[in-house]
């Protein structure tokens, strides 16, 4: 705790920081800690257009509870436009890069790119708004270890305070090294507000349609299917994630995945009768199948 508070004090003394606030548990703990140092930070909420419908209202209510200014940053493109142009947010940042090296888009018919989705839909709009409001640094609730491997490695390599030359802003991560237990304990001890989606079973608060953790047992896709079935169907059918998921799992082209789904009655039919097919992104080799 002493280290965390020292990082916060140093940042407040050296920069004009605001807070990147998502409404999740980590950023709420961070907010409470910063306020405890006598600083009244402005909150910037990145509306990725993929957030839970109660996330922005909850974030705004929390800002009002602390008596803080609240601003919303939003990209000028839609997530679907971003995915079609740059790649679908699947597997996680590092895993997606490795996958693309082995499966070029020229062969598969599609791309994966979690990093660009994060950058264009959340990170850049938030940082641009931060600077336009007169701030030169952002507190974030990144902890490193609980994030995807690439971001975790970078967080530990760069340290708690990093100058981001590309964006001309500093990023401050006071919670670097905190564990889930530490976050839960602080939240309970200080009676901090909890995002309402937690009560419905959500394990993380953020972009609903991100497949960064869908290769693990606590797949975000599976959780979304059980907690928000209407949003899950929107992702699988309307956003056309179904053939991409099948192509990744079975190592086939997008065209082949579409053909397979068509033979089974289409994506909507498979979503109704075999929804578990879309829960995970673990590759499932098809023996003797080379197409």
C-alpha atoms as a PDB file:
ATOM      1  CA  UNK A   1       0.000   0.000   0.000  1.00  0.00           C
ATOM      2  CA  UNK A   2       2.837   2.396   0.830  1.00  0.00           C
ATOM      3  CA  UNK A   3       4.289   1.934  -2.637  1.00  0.00           C
ATOM      4  CA  UNK A   4       0.918   2.559  -4.271  1.00  0.00           C
ATOM      5  CA  UNK A   5       0.324   5.751  -2.307  1.00  0.00           C
ATOM      6  CA  UNK A   6       3.853   6.946  -3.054  1.00  0.00           C
ATOM      7  CA  UNK A   7       3.217   6.491  -6.786  1.00  0.00           C
ATOM      8  CA  UNK A   8      -0.027   8.448  -6.515  1.00  0.00           C
ATOM      9  CA  UNK A   9       1.616  11.275  -4.555  1.00  0.00           C
ATOM     10  CA  UNK A  10       4.500  11.468  -7.004  1.00  0.00           C
ATOM     11  CA  UNK A  11       2.144  11.595  -9.982  1.00  0.00           C
ATOM     12  CA  UNK A  12       0.021  14.347  -8.430  1.00  0.00           C
ATOM     13  CA  UNK A  13       3.113  16.414  -7.672  1.00  0.00           C
ATOM     14  CA  UNK A  14       4.694  16.022 -11.114  1.00  0.00           C
ATOM     15  CA  UNK A  15       1.699  15.939 -13.483  1.00  0.00           C
ATOM     16  CA  UNK A  16      -1.852  17.142 -14.052  1.00  0.00           C
ATOM     17  CA  UNK A  17      -3.515  13.717 -14.067  1.00  0.00           C
ATOM     18  CA  UNK A  18      -7.057  12.569 -14.678  1.00  0.00           C
ATOM     19  CA  UNK A  19      -8.382   9.028 -14.208  1.00  0.00           C
ATOM     20  CA  UNK A  20      -9.382   6.551 -16.902  1.00  0.00           C
ATOM     21  CA  UNK A  21     -12.485   5.228 -15.186  1.00  0.00           C
ATOM     22  CA  UNK A  22     -14.361   2.159 -16.467  1.00  0.00           C
ATOM     23  CA  UNK A  23     -16.613   1.496 -13.485  1.00  0.00           C
ATOM     24  CA  UNK A  24     -14.858  -1.808 -12.832  1.00  0.00           C
ATOM     25  CA  UNK A  25     -13.472  -2.913  -9.488  1.00  0.00           C
ATOM     26  CA  UNK A  26      -9.860  -1.981 -10.180  1.00  0.00           C
ATOM     27  CA  UNK A  27     -10.590   1.552 -11.358  1.00  0.00           C
ATOM     28  CA  UNK A  28     -12.977   2.118  -8.433  1.00  0.00           C
ATOM     29  CA  UNK A  29     -10.275   1.120  -5.943  1.00  0.00           C
ATOM     30  CA  UNK A  30      -7.864   3.426  -7.747  1.00  0.00           C
ATOM     31  CA  UNK A  31     -10.381   6.276  -7.655  1.00  0.00           C
ATOM     32  CA  UNK A  32     -10.900   5.893  -3.916  1.00  0.00           C
ATOM     33  CA  UNK A  33      -7.155   5.811  -3.264  1.00  0.00           C
ATOM     34  CA  UNK A  34      -6.500   8.947  -5.320  1.00  0.00           C
ATOM     35  CA  UNK A  35      -9.311  10.831  -3.587  1.00  0.00           C
ATOM     36  CA  UNK A  36      -7.930   9.705  -0.214  1.00  0.00           C
ATOM     37  CA  UNK A  37      -4.763  11.696  -0.996  1.00  0.00           C
ATOM     38  CA  UNK A  38      -6.798  14.893  -1.154  1.00  0.00           C
ATOM     39  CA  UNK A  39      -6.890  15.080  -4.954  1.00  0.00           C
ATOM     40  CA  UNK A  40     -10.107  15.628  -6.883  1.00  0.00           C
ATOM     41  CA  UNK A  41      -9.478  13.942 -10.249  1.00  0.00           C
ATOM     42  CA  UNK A  42     -11.550  14.357 -13.365  1.00  0.00           C
ATOM     43  CA  UNK A  43     -12.893  11.030 -14.634  1.00  0.00           C
ATOM     44  CA  UNK A  44     -12.777  10.022 -18.286  1.00  0.00           C
ATOM     45  CA  UNK A  45     -15.009   7.164 -19.317  1.00  0.00           C
ATOM     46  CA  UNK A  46     -14.121   5.486 -22.635  1.00  0.00           C
ATOM     47  CA  UNK A  47     -17.364   4.526 -24.334  1.00  0.00           C
ATOM     48  CA  UNK A  48     -16.222   1.819 -26.747  1.00  0.00           C
ATOM     49  CA  UNK A  49     -19.820   1.230 -27.946  1.00  0.00           C
ATOM     50  CA  UNK A  50     -19.346  -2.306 -26.606  1.00  0.00           C
ATOM     51  CA  UNK A  51     -19.947  -1.562 -22.935  1.00  0.00           C
ATOM     52  CA  UNK A  52     -22.733  -2.958 -20.753  1.00  0.00           C
ATOM     53  CA  UNK A  53     -25.738  -0.654 -20.934  1.00  0.00           C
ATOM     54  CA  UNK A  54     -25.468   0.097 -17.201  1.00  0.00           C
ATOM     55  CA  UNK A  55     -21.729   0.853 -17.238  1.00  0.00           C
ATOM     56  CA  UNK A  56     -21.805   4.519 -18.227  1.00  0.00           C
ATOM     57  CA  UNK A  57     -24.696   5.382 -15.846  1.00  0.00           C
ATOM     58  CA  UNK A  58     -22.882   3.575 -13.011  1.00  0.00           C
ATOM     59  CA  UNK A  59     -19.621   5.387 -13.765  1.00  0.00           C
ATOM     60  CA  UNK A  60     -21.425   8.733 -13.818  1.00  0.00           C
ATOM     61  CA  UNK A  61     -23.222   7.982 -10.534  1.00  0.00           C
ATOM     62  CA  UNK A  62     -19.899   7.073  -8.928  1.00  0.00           C
ATOM     63  CA  UNK A  63     -18.380  10.343 -10.109  1.00  0.00           C
ATOM     64  CA  UNK A  64     -21.313  12.227  -8.564  1.00  0.00           C
ATOM     65  CA  UNK A  65     -20.892  10.274  -5.317  1.00  0.00           C
ATOM     66  CA  UNK A  66     -17.330  11.569  -5.052  1.00  0.00           C
ATOM     67  CA  UNK A  67     -18.208  15.029  -6.377  1.00  0.00           C
ATOM     68  CA  UNK A  68     -16.006  14.695  -9.437  1.00  0.00           C
ATOM     69  CA  UNK A  69     -16.231  15.920 -13.023  1.00  0.00           C
ATOM     70  CA  UNK A  70     -17.139  13.206 -15.519  1.00  0.00           C
ATOM     71  CA  UNK A  71     -16.454  13.127 -19.268  1.00  0.00           C
ATOM     72  CA  UNK A  72     -17.139  10.551 -21.959  1.00  0.00           C
ATOM     73  CA  UNK A  73     -14.726   9.745 -24.788  1.00  0.00           C
ATOM     74  CA  UNK A  74     -15.985   7.926 -27.876  1.00  0.00           C
ATOM     75  CA  UNK A  75     -14.413   6.995 -31.204  1.00  0.00           C
ATOM     76  CA  UNK A  76     -15.903   8.342 -34.428  1.00  0.00           C
ATOM     77  CA  UNK A  77     -16.107   4.855 -35.954  1.00  0.00           C
ATOM     78  CA  UNK A  78     -18.190   1.828 -34.991  1.00  0.00           C
ATOM     79  CA  UNK A  79     -16.668  -1.403 -33.651  1.00  0.00           C
ATOM     80  CA  UNK A  80     -17.882  -3.306 -36.708  1.00  0.00           C
ATOM     81  CA  UNK A  81     -16.119  -0.853 -39.025  1.00  0.00           C
ATOM     82  CA  UNK A  82     -12.942  -1.309 -36.987  1.00  0.00           C
ATOM     83  CA  UNK A  83     -13.154  -5.122 -37.084  1.00  0.00           C
ATOM     84  CA  UNK A  84     -13.833  -5.294 -40.796  1.00  0.00           C
ATOM     85  CA  UNK A  85     -10.889  -3.052 -41.580  1.00  0.00           C
ATOM     86  CA  UNK A  86      -8.312  -4.152 -38.993  1.00  0.00           C
ATOM     87  CA  UNK A  87      -9.355  -7.508 -37.562  1.00  0.00           C
ATOM     88  CA  UNK A  88     -11.642  -9.173 -35.041  1.00  0.00           C
ATOM     89  CA  UNK A  89     -10.810  -8.907 -31.287  1.00  0.00           C
ATOM     90  CA  UNK A  90     -10.099 -12.568 -30.600  1.00  0.00           C
ATOM     91  CA  UNK A  91      -7.597 -14.604 -28.528  1.00  0.00           C
ATOM     92  CA  UNK A  92      -5.843 -11.719 -26.786  1.00  0.00           C
ATOM     93  CA  UNK A  93      -3.194  -9.283 -28.012  1.00  0.00           C
ATOM     94  CA  UNK A  94      -0.162 -11.545 -28.002  1.00  0.00           C
ATOM     95  CA  UNK A  95      -2.051 -14.714 -28.937  1.00  0.00           C
ATOM     96  CA  UNK A  96      -3.725 -12.947 -31.874  1.00  0.00           C
ATOM     97  CA  UNK A  97      -0.374 -11.768 -33.209  1.00  0.00           C
ATOM     98  CA  UNK A  98       1.094 -15.252 -32.974  1.00  0.00           C
ATOM     99  CA  UNK A  99      -1.998 -16.732 -34.614  1.00  0.00           C
ATOM    100  CA  UNK A 100      -1.826 -14.265 -37.516  1.00  0.00           C
ATOM    101  CA  UNK A 101       1.840 -15.143 -38.122  1.00  0.00           C
ATOM    102  CA  UNK A 102       0.830 -18.769 -38.592  1.00  0.00           C
ATOM    103  CA  UNK A 103      -2.437 -18.060 -40.420  1.00  0.00           C
ATOM    104  CA  UNK A 104      -2.057 -15.123 -42.867  1.00  0.00           C
ATOM    105  CA  UNK A 105      -5.265 -13.370 -43.831  1.00  0.00           C
ATOM    106  CA  UNK A 106      -4.529 -14.150 -47.481  1.00  0.00           C
ATOM    107  CA  UNK A 107      -5.072 -17.813 -46.637  1.00  0.00           C
ATOM    108  CA  UNK A 108      -7.823 -17.675 -44.000  1.00  0.00           C
ATOM    109  CA  UNK A 109      -9.924 -14.815 -45.358  1.00  0.00           C
ATOM    110  CA  UNK A 110      -9.981 -12.795 -42.121  1.00  0.00           C
ATOM    111  CA  UNK A 111      -7.756 -11.011 -39.619  1.00  0.00           C
ATOM    112  CA  UNK A 112      -7.435 -10.941 -35.834  1.00  0.00           C
ATOM    113  CA  UNK A 113      -6.240  -7.770 -34.121  1.00  0.00           C
ATOM    114  CA  UNK A 114      -7.150  -7.063 -30.503  1.00  0.00           C
ATOM    115  CA  UNK A 115      -4.561  -4.292 -30.153  1.00  0.00           C
ATOM    116  CA  UNK A 116      -6.016  -2.093 -32.883  1.00  0.00           C
ATOM    117  CA  UNK A 117      -9.541  -2.509 -31.528  1.00  0.00           C
ATOM    118  CA  UNK A 118      -8.388  -1.403 -28.069  1.00  0.00           C
ATOM    119  CA  UNK A 119      -6.353   1.439 -29.492  1.00  0.00           C
ATOM    120  CA  UNK A 120      -8.975   2.904 -31.812  1.00  0.00           C
ATOM    121  CA  UNK A 121     -12.127   2.272 -29.784  1.00  0.00           C
ATOM    122  CA  UNK A 122     -10.906   3.120 -26.256  1.00  0.00           C
ATOM    123  CA  UNK A 123      -7.302   4.161 -25.707  1.00  0.00           C
ATOM    124  CA  UNK A 124      -6.832   6.920 -28.279  1.00  0.00           C
ATOM    125  CA  UNK A 125     -10.223   8.625 -27.787  1.00  0.00           C
ATOM    126  CA  UNK A 126      -9.646   8.693 -24.012  1.00  0.00           C
ATOM    127  CA  UNK A 127      -6.112  10.055 -24.294  1.00  0.00           C
ATOM    128  CA  UNK A 128      -7.133  12.660 -26.859  1.00  0.00           C
ATOM    129  CA  UNK A 129      -9.929  13.869 -24.570  1.00  0.00           C
ATOM    130  CA  UNK A 130      -7.540  13.878 -21.621  1.00  0.00           C
ATOM    131  CA  UNK A 131      -5.185  16.257 -23.427  1.00  0.00           C
ATOM    132  CA  UNK A 132      -7.997  18.441 -24.777  1.00  0.00           C
ATOM    133  CA  UNK A 133      -9.168  18.990 -21.180  1.00  0.00           C
ATOM    134  CA  UNK A 134      -5.710  20.221 -20.199  1.00  0.00           C
ATOM    135  CA  UNK A 135      -4.310  17.106 -18.503  1.00  0.00           C
ATOM    136  CA  UNK A 136      -0.954  15.556 -19.288  1.00  0.00           C
ATOM    137  CA  UNK A 137      -1.270  12.200 -17.529  1.00  0.00           C
ATOM    138  CA  UNK A 138      -3.818   9.461 -16.864  1.00  0.00           C
ATOM    139  CA  UNK A 139      -4.172   7.174 -13.881  1.00  0.00           C
ATOM    140  CA  UNK A 140      -5.263   3.685 -14.925  1.00  0.00           C
ATOM    141  CA  UNK A 141      -6.281   0.638 -12.924  1.00  0.00           C
ATOM    142  CA  UNK A 142      -3.962  -1.712 -14.797  1.00  0.00           C
ATOM    143  CA  UNK A 143      -2.480  -4.329 -12.508  1.00  0.00           C
ATOM    144  CA  UNK A 144      -0.322  -6.246 -14.989  1.00  0.00           C
ATOM    145  CA  UNK A 145      -0.605  -9.844 -13.867  1.00  0.00           C
ATOM    146  CA  UNK A 146      -4.365 -10.116 -14.301  1.00  0.00           C
ATOM    147  CA  UNK A 147      -4.271  -8.626 -17.792  1.00  0.00           C
ATOM    148  CA  UNK A 148      -3.393 -10.485 -20.965  1.00  0.00           C
ATOM    149  CA  UNK A 149       0.244 -11.588 -21.125  1.00  0.00           C
ATOM    150  CA  UNK A 150       1.431  -8.870 -23.491  1.00  0.00           C
ATOM    151  CA  UNK A 151      -0.003  -5.985 -21.467  1.00  0.00           C
ATOM    152  CA  UNK A 152       1.161  -7.620 -18.247  1.00  0.00           C
ATOM    153  CA  UNK A 153       4.727  -7.933 -19.477  1.00  0.00           C
ATOM    154  CA  UNK A 154       4.731  -4.371 -20.746  1.00  0.00           C
ATOM    155  CA  UNK A 155       3.337  -3.018 -17.491  1.00  0.00           C
ATOM    156  CA  UNK A 156       6.100  -4.632 -15.443  1.00  0.00           C
ATOM    157  CA  UNK A 157       8.789  -3.667 -17.969  1.00  0.00           C
ATOM    158  CA  UNK A 158       7.726  -0.024 -18.224  1.00  0.00           C
ATOM    159  CA  UNK A 159       7.067   0.510 -14.533  1.00  0.00           C
ATOM    160  CA  UNK A 160       4.308   2.358 -12.720  1.00  0.00           C
ATOM    161  CA  UNK A 161       4.849   5.678 -14.546  1.00  0.00           C
ATOM    162  CA  UNK A 162       5.544   5.710 -18.271  1.00  0.00           C
ATOM    163  CA  UNK A 163       5.870   8.555 -20.735  1.00  0.00           C
ATOM    164  CA  UNK A 164       3.906   7.669 -23.864  1.00  0.00           C
ATOM    165  CA  UNK A 165       5.783   9.462 -26.629  1.00  0.00           C
ATOM    166  CA  UNK A 166       3.280   8.644 -29.367  1.00  0.00           C
ATOM    167  CA  UNK A 167       0.384  10.208 -27.470  1.00  0.00           C
ATOM    168  CA  UNK A 168       2.449  12.825 -25.614  1.00  0.00           C
ATOM    169  CA  UNK A 169       0.978  11.864 -22.274  1.00  0.00           C
ATOM    170  CA  UNK A 170       2.060   9.925 -19.185  1.00  0.00           C
ATOM    171  CA  UNK A 171       0.351   6.760 -17.992  1.00  0.00           C
ATOM    172  CA  UNK A 172       0.337   6.023 -14.259  1.00  0.00           C
ATOM    173  CA  UNK A 173      -0.436   2.531 -12.904  1.00  0.00           C
ATOM    174  CA  UNK A 174      -0.418   2.687  -9.086  1.00  0.00           C
ATOM    175  CA  UNK A 175      -2.064  -0.757  -8.718  1.00  0.00           C
ATOM    176  CA  UNK A 176       0.739  -2.590 -10.490  1.00  0.00           C
ATOM    177  CA  UNK A 177       1.245  -5.845  -8.599  1.00  0.00           C
ATOM    178  CA  UNK A 178      -2.092  -5.846  -6.780  1.00  0.00           C
ATOM    179  CA  UNK A 179      -3.871  -9.216  -6.624  1.00  0.00           C
ATOM    180  CA  UNK A 180      -7.573 -10.063  -6.935  1.00  0.00           C
ATOM    181  CA  UNK A 181      -7.649 -10.653  -3.180  1.00  0.00           C
ATOM    182  CA  UNK A 182      -6.191  -7.218  -2.450  1.00  0.00           C
ATOM    183  CA  UNK A 183      -8.800  -5.564  -4.684  1.00  0.00           C
ATOM    184  CA  UNK A 184     -11.646  -7.528  -3.058  1.00  0.00           C
ATOM    185  CA  UNK A 185     -10.404  -6.780   0.461  1.00  0.00           C
ATOM    186  CA  UNK A 186     -10.051  -3.039  -0.153  1.00  0.00           C
ATOM    187  CA  UNK A 187     -13.469  -2.901  -1.825  1.00  0.00           C
ATOM    188  CA  UNK A 188     -15.113  -4.576   1.171  1.00  0.00           C
ATOM    189  CA  UNK A 189     -13.213  -2.614   3.841  1.00  0.00           C
ATOM    190  CA  UNK A 190     -14.097   0.725   2.265  1.00  0.00           C
ATOM    191  CA  UNK A 191     -17.625  -0.240   1.176  1.00  0.00           C
ATOM    192  CA  UNK A 192     -16.971   0.803  -2.404  1.00  0.00           C
ATOM    193  CA  UNK A 193     -19.761   0.725  -4.991  1.00  0.00           C
ATOM    194  CA  UNK A 194     -19.854  -2.400  -7.150  1.00  0.00           C
ATOM    195  CA  UNK A 195     -20.866  -2.466 -10.784  1.00  0.00           C
ATOM    196  CA  UNK A 196     -24.419  -3.916 -11.016  1.00  0.00           C
ATOM    197  CA  UNK A 197     -23.346  -6.353 -13.731  1.00  0.00           C
ATOM    198  CA  UNK A 198     -21.290  -8.203 -11.130  1.00  0.00           C
ATOM    199  CA  UNK A 199     -24.523  -9.356  -9.528  1.00  0.00           C
ATOM    200  CA  UNK A 200     -25.534 -10.934 -12.830  1.00  0.00           C
ATOM    201  CA  UNK A 201     -22.323 -12.956 -12.991  1.00  0.00           C
ATOM    202  CA  UNK A 202     -19.989 -10.799 -15.081  1.00  0.00           C
ATOM    203  CA  UNK A 203     -16.352 -11.489 -14.214  1.00  0.00           C
ATOM    204  CA  UNK A 204     -14.897  -8.396 -15.843  1.00  0.00           C
ATOM    205  CA  UNK A 205     -16.348  -4.992 -16.664  1.00  0.00           C
ATOM    206  CA  UNK A 206     -15.448  -3.711 -20.101  1.00  0.00           C
ATOM    207  CA  UNK A 207     -16.069  -4.547 -23.726  1.00  0.00           C
ATOM    208  CA  UNK A 208     -18.713  -7.268 -23.930  1.00  0.00           C
ATOM    209  CA  UNK A 209     -17.574  -8.558 -27.305  1.00  0.00           C
ATOM    210  CA  UNK A 210     -13.850  -8.929 -26.658  1.00  0.00           C
ATOM    211  CA  UNK A 211     -12.526 -12.455 -27.183  1.00  0.00           C
ATOM    212  CA  UNK A 212      -9.300 -11.769 -25.332  1.00  0.00           C
ATOM    213  CA  UNK A 213     -10.113 -14.352 -22.680  1.00  0.00           C
ATOM    214  CA  UNK A 214     -12.260 -16.714 -24.722  1.00  0.00           C
ATOM    215  CA  UNK A 215      -9.524 -19.330 -24.949  1.00  0.00           C
ATOM    216  CA  UNK A 216      -9.611 -19.872 -21.181  1.00  0.00           C
ATOM    217  CA  UNK A 217     -12.016 -21.693 -18.867  1.00  0.00           C
ATOM    218  CA  UNK A 218     -13.595 -18.423 -17.720  1.00  0.00           C
ATOM    219  CA  UNK A 219     -14.390 -17.468 -21.310  1.00  0.00           C
ATOM    220  CA  UNK A 220     -15.930 -14.037 -21.663  1.00  0.00           C
ATOM    221  CA  UNK A 221     -18.055 -15.389 -24.514  1.00  0.00           C
ATOM    222  CA  UNK A 222     -19.536 -18.111 -22.300  1.00  0.00           C
ATOM    223  CA  UNK A 223     -20.180 -15.642 -19.474  1.00  0.00           C
ATOM    224  CA  UNK A 224     -21.891 -13.236 -21.885  1.00  0.00           C
ATOM    225  CA  UNK A 225     -24.087 -16.063 -23.198  1.00  0.00           C
ATOM    226  CA  UNK A 226     -25.306 -16.896 -19.703  1.00  0.00           C
ATOM    227  CA  UNK A 227     -25.625 -13.356 -18.334  1.00  0.00           C
ATOM    228  CA  UNK A 228     -26.655 -11.365 -21.411  1.00  0.00           C
ATOM    229  CA  UNK A 229     -28.073 -13.802 -23.989  1.00  0.00           C
ATOM    230  CA  UNK A 230     -29.499 -11.022 -26.159  1.00  0.00           C
ATOM    231  CA  UNK A 231     -26.109  -9.309 -26.435  1.00  0.00           C
ATOM    232  CA  UNK A 232     -24.422 -12.667 -27.021  1.00  0.00           C
ATOM    233  CA  UNK A 233     -26.712 -13.374 -29.977  1.00  0.00           C
ATOM    234  CA  UNK A 234     -26.032  -9.922 -31.342  1.00  0.00           C
ATOM    235  CA  UNK A 235     -22.321 -10.681 -31.253  1.00  0.00           C
ATOM    236  CA  UNK A 236     -22.540 -14.168 -32.734  1.00  0.00           C
ATOM    237  CA  UNK A 237     -25.149 -13.473 -35.414  1.00  0.00           C
ATOM    238  CA  UNK A 238     -25.445  -9.744 -36.170  1.00  0.00           C
ATOM    239  CA  UNK A 239     -21.728  -9.021 -35.840  1.00  0.00           C
ATOM    240  CA  UNK A 240     -20.909 -12.273 -37.659  1.00  0.00           C
ATOM    241  CA  UNK A 241     -18.532 -13.625 -35.009  1.00  0.00           C
ATOM    242  CA  UNK A 242     -19.856 -17.173 -35.558  1.00  0.00           C
ATOM    243  CA  UNK A 243     -17.787 -18.116 -38.653  1.00  0.00           C
ATOM    244  CA  UNK A 244     -14.675 -16.437 -37.257  1.00  0.00           C
ATOM    245  CA  UNK A 245     -14.937 -18.443 -34.024  1.00  0.00           C
ATOM    246  CA  UNK A 246     -15.429 -21.689 -35.953  1.00  0.00           C
ATOM    247  CA  UNK A 247     -12.519 -20.895 -38.286  1.00  0.00           C
ATOM    248  CA  UNK A 248     -10.183 -20.275 -35.331  1.00  0.00           C
ATOM    249  CA  UNK A 249     -11.276 -23.361 -33.405  1.00  0.00           C
ATOM    250  CA  UNK A 250     -10.986 -25.772 -36.289  1.00  0.00           C
ATOM    251  CA  UNK A 251      -8.153 -24.176 -38.233  1.00  0.00           C
ATOM    252  CA  UNK A 252     -10.155 -23.712 -41.434  1.00  0.00           C
ATOM    253  CA  UNK A 253     -10.768 -20.799 -43.765  1.00  0.00           C
ATOM    254  CA  UNK A 254     -13.602 -18.349 -43.212  1.00  0.00           C
ATOM    255  CA  UNK A 255     -15.289 -19.669 -46.356  1.00  0.00           C
ATOM    256  CA  UNK A 256     -15.158 -23.241 -45.040  1.00  0.00           C
ATOM    257  CA  UNK A 257     -16.532 -22.132 -41.668  1.00  0.00           C
ATOM    258  CA  UNK A 258     -19.453 -20.410 -43.372  1.00  0.00           C
ATOM    259  CA  UNK A 259     -20.158 -23.523 -45.431  1.00  0.00           C
ATOM    260  CA  UNK A 260     -20.123 -25.704 -42.314  1.00  0.00           C
ATOM    261  CA  UNK A 261     -22.514 -23.405 -40.463  1.00  0.00           C
ATOM    262  CA  UNK A 262     -24.791 -23.297 -43.503  1.00  0.00           C
ATOM    263  CA  UNK A 263     -24.955 -27.089 -43.581  1.00  0.00           C
ATOM    264  CA  UNK A 264     -26.031 -27.013 -39.931  1.00  0.00           C
ATOM    265  CA  UNK A 265     -28.839 -24.560 -40.668  1.00  0.00           C
ATOM    266  CA  UNK A 266     -26.951 -21.294 -40.318  1.00  0.00           C
ATOM    267  CA  UNK A 267     -25.364 -19.345 -37.460  1.00  0.00           C
ATOM    268  CA  UNK A 268     -28.708 -18.562 -35.804  1.00  0.00           C
ATOM    269  CA  UNK A 269     -29.724 -22.207 -35.772  1.00  0.00           C
ATOM    270  CA  UNK A 270     -26.403 -23.344 -34.304  1.00  0.00           C
ATOM    271  CA  UNK A 271     -26.637 -20.566 -31.696  1.00  0.00           C
ATOM    272  CA  UNK A 272     -30.028 -21.941 -30.650  1.00  0.00           C
ATOM    273  CA  UNK A 273     -29.234 -25.652 -30.701  1.00  0.00           C
ATOM    274  CA  UNK A 274     -25.493 -25.822 -29.944  1.00  0.00           C
ATOM    275  CA  UNK A 275     -24.550 -22.481 -28.338  1.00  0.00           C
ATOM    276  CA  UNK A 276     -21.539 -24.013 -26.544  1.00  0.00           C
ATOM    277  CA  UNK A 277     -19.779 -24.213 -29.939  1.00  0.00           C
ATOM    278  CA  UNK A 278     -19.134 -20.478 -29.680  1.00  0.00           C
ATOM    279  CA  UNK A 279     -18.010 -20.418 -26.032  1.00  0.00           C
ATOM    280  CA  UNK A 280     -14.300 -21.006 -26.505  1.00  0.00           C
ATOM    281  CA  UNK A 281     -11.584 -20.336 -29.056  1.00  0.00           C
ATOM    282  CA  UNK A 282      -9.286 -23.250 -28.309  1.00  0.00           C
ATOM    283  CA  UNK A 283      -8.108 -24.855 -31.555  1.00  0.00           C
ATOM    284  CA  UNK A 284      -9.694 -28.262 -32.196  1.00  0.00           C
ATOM    285  CA  UNK A 285      -7.634 -30.065 -34.893  1.00  0.00           C
ATOM    286  CA  UNK A 286      -9.604 -31.955 -37.500  1.00  0.00           C
ATOM    287  CA  UNK A 287      -7.656 -35.104 -38.325  1.00  0.00           C
ATOM    288  CA  UNK A 288      -7.207 -35.777 -41.985  1.00  0.00           C
ATOM    289  CA  UNK A 289      -8.837 -32.475 -42.909  1.00  0.00           C
ATOM    290  CA  UNK A 290      -6.509 -30.217 -44.882  1.00  0.00           C
ATOM    291  CA  UNK A 291      -8.826 -27.679 -46.453  1.00  0.00           C
END
